[in-house]
Amino acid sequence: MKHTKVLLDKLPEEAVDLVANAERVLEGESLNAVQTWGSALAAAYFIRHSELTGAILADARAAGLGEAHLSDAKGAAALMGMNTVYFRFRHIMHTEAYTQKAFNLRMTRMKQVATDQTHFELYSIGPAALAGCELCLKAHEAAVKKGGLNEDNVHDAVRIASVLNGIAVALEIHPA
């Protein structure tokens, strides 16, 4: 977590809680190292803060995240960038006029994963939570649980995403 710690040292004192939280969630609790760093990387890509993404990517590689997991984290973030907007729209509108329409959006990358379906779905959880997409969260949670993971794993993936989002916000706070 060398690169992330360097980044954490840049946070303003008002963000001291984020330092402790980042250390906790990135050490892995219910998730193994690959799941932790894959989830963190997908969330970082989704957050779109280049300095944060660079630190997480460097630490993910150092933790042993291979090219297949890096690819799935990128794929999950990219697809969730589209899906969370579209499916949140369908949910918010909550009318048959929209919910009965065909998606007509290509999402084959969700089934043509580089690792396995469970990891790809896990990497999609954080971005879904960041976007506040209820339909996405429920669908990915069901897929993750079908793949043998549990609520603790989903919870930790969301905690990782939330802490990283807080770090991105804190990095943008400049002293007056």
Protein backbone atom coordinates (compact mmCIF):
# COMPACT_ATOMS: atom_id res chain seq x y z
CA MET A 1 0.00 0.00 0.00
CA LYS A 2 3.08 2.16 -0.47
CA HIS A 3 1.68 4.40 -3.22
CA THR A 4 -1.67 4.89 -1.53
CA LYS A 5 0.05 5.86 1.73
CA VAL A 6 1.99 8.57 -0.12
CA LEU A 7 -1.33 9.87 -1.42
CA LEU A 8 -2.93 9.69 2.02
CA ASP A 9 -0.13 11.88 3.39
CA LYS A 10 -1.39 14.65 1.08
CA LEU A 11 -4.84 14.75 2.66
CA PRO A 12 -5.78 17.79 4.72
CA GLU A 13 -6.05 17.27 8.48
CA GLU A 14 -9.84 17.47 8.20
CA ALA A 15 -9.70 14.12 6.41
CA VAL A 16 -7.83 12.21 9.12
CA ASP A 17 -10.64 9.64 9.38
CA LEU A 18 -10.16 8.73 5.73
CA VAL A 19 -6.55 7.76 6.37
CA ALA A 20 -7.53 5.27 9.07
CA ASN A 21 -10.45 4.00 7.02
CA ALA A 22 -8.33 3.53 3.88
CA GLU A 23 -5.73 1.56 5.80
CA ARG A 24 -8.46 -0.66 7.25
CA VAL A 25 -10.44 -1.39 4.09
CA LEU A 26 -7.42 -1.80 1.81
CA GLU A 27 -5.76 -4.30 4.13
CA GLY A 28 -8.68 -6.58 3.32
CA GLU A 29 -11.28 -7.75 5.75
CA SER A 30 -13.69 -10.30 4.27
CA LEU A 31 -12.13 -10.00 0.80
CA ASN A 32 -8.82 -11.55 -0.22
CA ALA A 33 -6.06 -9.34 -1.70
CA VAL A 34 -7.17 -9.83 -5.30
CA GLN A 35 -10.80 -9.05 -4.49
CA THR A 36 -9.82 -6.05 -2.37
CA TRP A 37 -7.52 -4.46 -4.94
CA GLY A 38 -9.74 -5.36 -7.90
CA SER A 39 -12.70 -3.71 -6.16
CA ALA A 40 -10.56 -0.69 -5.25
CA LEU A 41 -9.29 -0.32 -8.79
CA ALA A 42 -12.75 -0.52 -10.37
CA ALA A 43 -13.99 2.11 -7.90
CA ALA A 44 -10.97 4.35 -8.56
CA TYR A 45 -11.49 4.16 -12.33
CA PHE A 46 -15.18 4.99 -11.81
CA ILE A 47 -14.35 7.96 -9.55
CA ARG A 48 -12.04 9.34 -12.27
CA HIS A 49 -9.41 11.00 -10.08
CA SER A 50 -6.14 10.34 -11.92
CA GLU A 51 -3.82 10.63 -8.92
CA LEU A 52 -5.97 8.28 -6.85
CA THR A 53 -6.30 5.83 -9.74
CA GLY A 54 -2.54 5.84 -10.30
CA ALA A 55 -1.79 5.06 -6.65
CA ILE A 56 -4.40 2.30 -6.46
CA LEU A 57 -3.19 0.79 -9.75
CA ALA A 58 0.42 0.73 -8.55
CA ASP A 59 -0.55 -0.87 -5.25
CA ALA A 60 -2.89 -3.34 -6.95
CA ARG A 61 -0.03 -4.51 -9.16
CA ALA A 62 2.28 -4.72 -6.14
CA ALA A 63 -0.34 -6.83 -4.34
CA GLY A 64 -0.27 -9.30 -7.23
CA LEU A 65 -3.29 -8.24 -9.27
CA GLY A 66 -2.66 -9.77 -12.69
CA GLU A 67 -3.54 -8.40 -16.09
CA ALA A 68 -6.84 -10.31 -16.24
CA HIS A 69 -8.08 -8.72 -13.01
CA LEU A 70 -6.82 -5.30 -14.13
CA SER A 71 -8.79 -5.77 -17.34
CA ASP A 72 -11.97 -6.80 -15.51
CA ALA A 73 -11.68 -3.83 -13.13
CA LYS A 74 -11.43 -1.49 -16.13
CA GLY A 75 -14.28 -3.27 -17.91
CA ALA A 76 -16.53 -3.13 -14.85
CA ALA A 77 -15.87 0.58 -14.31
CA ALA A 78 -16.50 1.42 -17.96
CA LEU A 79 -19.72 -0.56 -18.27
CA MET A 80 -20.99 0.72 -14.96
CA GLY A 81 -20.40 4.25 -16.25
CA MET A 82 -23.10 3.51 -18.83
CA ASN A 83 -25.33 1.11 -16.94
CA THR A 84 -25.70 3.11 -13.75
CA VAL A 85 -27.06 6.07 -15.70
CA TYR A 86 -29.42 4.03 -17.83
CA PHE A 87 -30.79 1.71 -15.15
CA ARG A 88 -31.07 4.45 -12.56
CA PHE A 89 -33.15 6.37 -15.13
CA ARG A 90 -35.44 3.38 -15.60
CA HIS A 91 -35.83 2.98 -11.85
CA ILE A 92 -36.44 6.66 -11.14
CA MET A 93 -39.01 7.01 -13.92
CA HIS A 94 -40.71 3.81 -12.77
CA THR A 95 -43.17 3.69 -15.63
CA GLU A 96 -43.95 0.87 -18.00
CA ALA A 97 -43.28 3.20 -20.90
CA TYR A 98 -39.57 2.90 -20.03
CA THR A 99 -39.28 -0.37 -18.12
CA GLN A 100 -40.85 -2.32 -20.99
CA LYS A 101 -38.45 -0.97 -23.60
CA ALA A 102 -35.57 -3.13 -24.76
CA PHE A 103 -32.22 -1.97 -23.38
CA ASN A 104 -30.68 -2.00 -26.87
CA LEU A 105 -27.28 -1.38 -25.26
CA ARG A 106 -24.38 -3.72 -25.84
CA MET A 107 -23.05 -5.26 -22.61
CA THR A 108 -21.22 -8.36 -23.84
CA ARG A 109 -18.10 -7.53 -21.79
CA MET A 110 -20.10 -8.46 -18.69
CA LYS A 111 -20.25 -12.04 -19.95
CA GLN A 112 -16.88 -12.14 -21.72
CA VAL A 113 -14.77 -11.62 -18.63
CA ALA A 114 -11.03 -12.02 -18.35
CA THR A 115 -11.17 -13.70 -14.91
CA ASP A 116 -14.49 -15.18 -13.82
CA GLN A 117 -18.05 -13.92 -13.53
CA THR A 118 -17.97 -13.56 -9.74
CA HIS A 119 -14.94 -11.27 -9.73
CA PHE A 120 -16.34 -9.10 -12.53
CA GLU A 121 -19.64 -8.77 -10.67
CA LEU A 122 -17.82 -7.94 -7.43
CA TYR A 123 -15.84 -5.22 -9.21
CA SER A 124 -19.15 -3.76 -10.43
CA ILE A 125 -20.57 -3.35 -6.90
CA GLY A 126 -18.54 -0.29 -5.88
CA PRO A 127 -19.34 1.73 -9.01
CA ALA A 128 -23.02 0.81 -8.66
CA ALA A 129 -23.01 2.10 -5.09
CA LEU A 130 -21.11 5.26 -6.06
CA ALA A 131 -23.76 6.00 -8.67
CA GLY A 132 -26.63 5.14 -6.35
CA CYS A 133 -28.15 2.70 -8.84
CA GLU A 134 -30.50 0.43 -6.92
CA LEU A 135 -31.21 -1.90 -9.84
CA CYS A 136 -27.50 -2.34 -10.54
CA LEU A 137 -26.69 -2.96 -6.89
CA LYS A 138 -29.37 -5.62 -6.54
CA ALA A 139 -28.42 -7.37 -9.78
CA HIS A 140 -24.69 -7.44 -9.01
CA GLU A 141 -25.24 -8.47 -5.40
CA ALA A 142 -27.35 -11.42 -6.57
CA ALA A 143 -24.66 -12.47 -9.07
CA VAL A 144 -21.89 -12.17 -6.47
CA LYS A 145 -23.85 -14.27 -3.99
CA LYS A 146 -24.63 -16.84 -6.70
CA GLY A 147 -20.87 -17.06 -7.22
CA GLY A 148 -20.30 -18.01 -3.58
CA LEU A 149 -19.58 -14.68 -1.94
CA ASN A 150 -21.74 -13.16 0.79
CA GLU A 151 -23.09 -9.94 2.28
CA ASP A 152 -19.83 -9.25 4.12
CA ASN A 153 -17.98 -9.31 0.80
CA VAL A 154 -20.50 -6.96 -0.85
CA HIS A 155 -20.40 -4.69 2.19
CA ASP A 156 -16.61 -4.47 2.08
CA ALA A 157 -16.57 -3.71 -1.66
CA VAL A 158 -18.96 -0.80 -1.01
CA ARG A 159 -16.89 0.40 1.95
CA ILE A 160 -13.78 0.44 -0.25
CA ALA A 161 -15.59 2.51 -2.90
CA SER A 162 -16.98 4.94 -0.34
CA VAL A 163 -13.60 5.52 1.31
CA LEU A 164 -11.90 6.07 -2.04
CA ASN A 165 -14.60 8.53 -3.03
CA GLY A 166 -13.99 10.44 0.21
CA ILE A 167 -10.26 10.49 -0.52
CA ALA A 168 -10.90 11.90 -4.01
CA VAL A 169 -13.04 14.66 -2.50
CA ALA A 170 -10.45 15.42 0.19
CA LEU A 171 -7.65 15.62 -2.39
CA GLU A 172 -9.58 18.37 -4.13
CA ILE A 173 -9.82 20.44 -0.92
CA HIS A 174 -7.21 23.15 -1.08
CA PRO A 175 -6.21 25.36 1.86
CA ALA A 176 -7.79 28.82 1.63
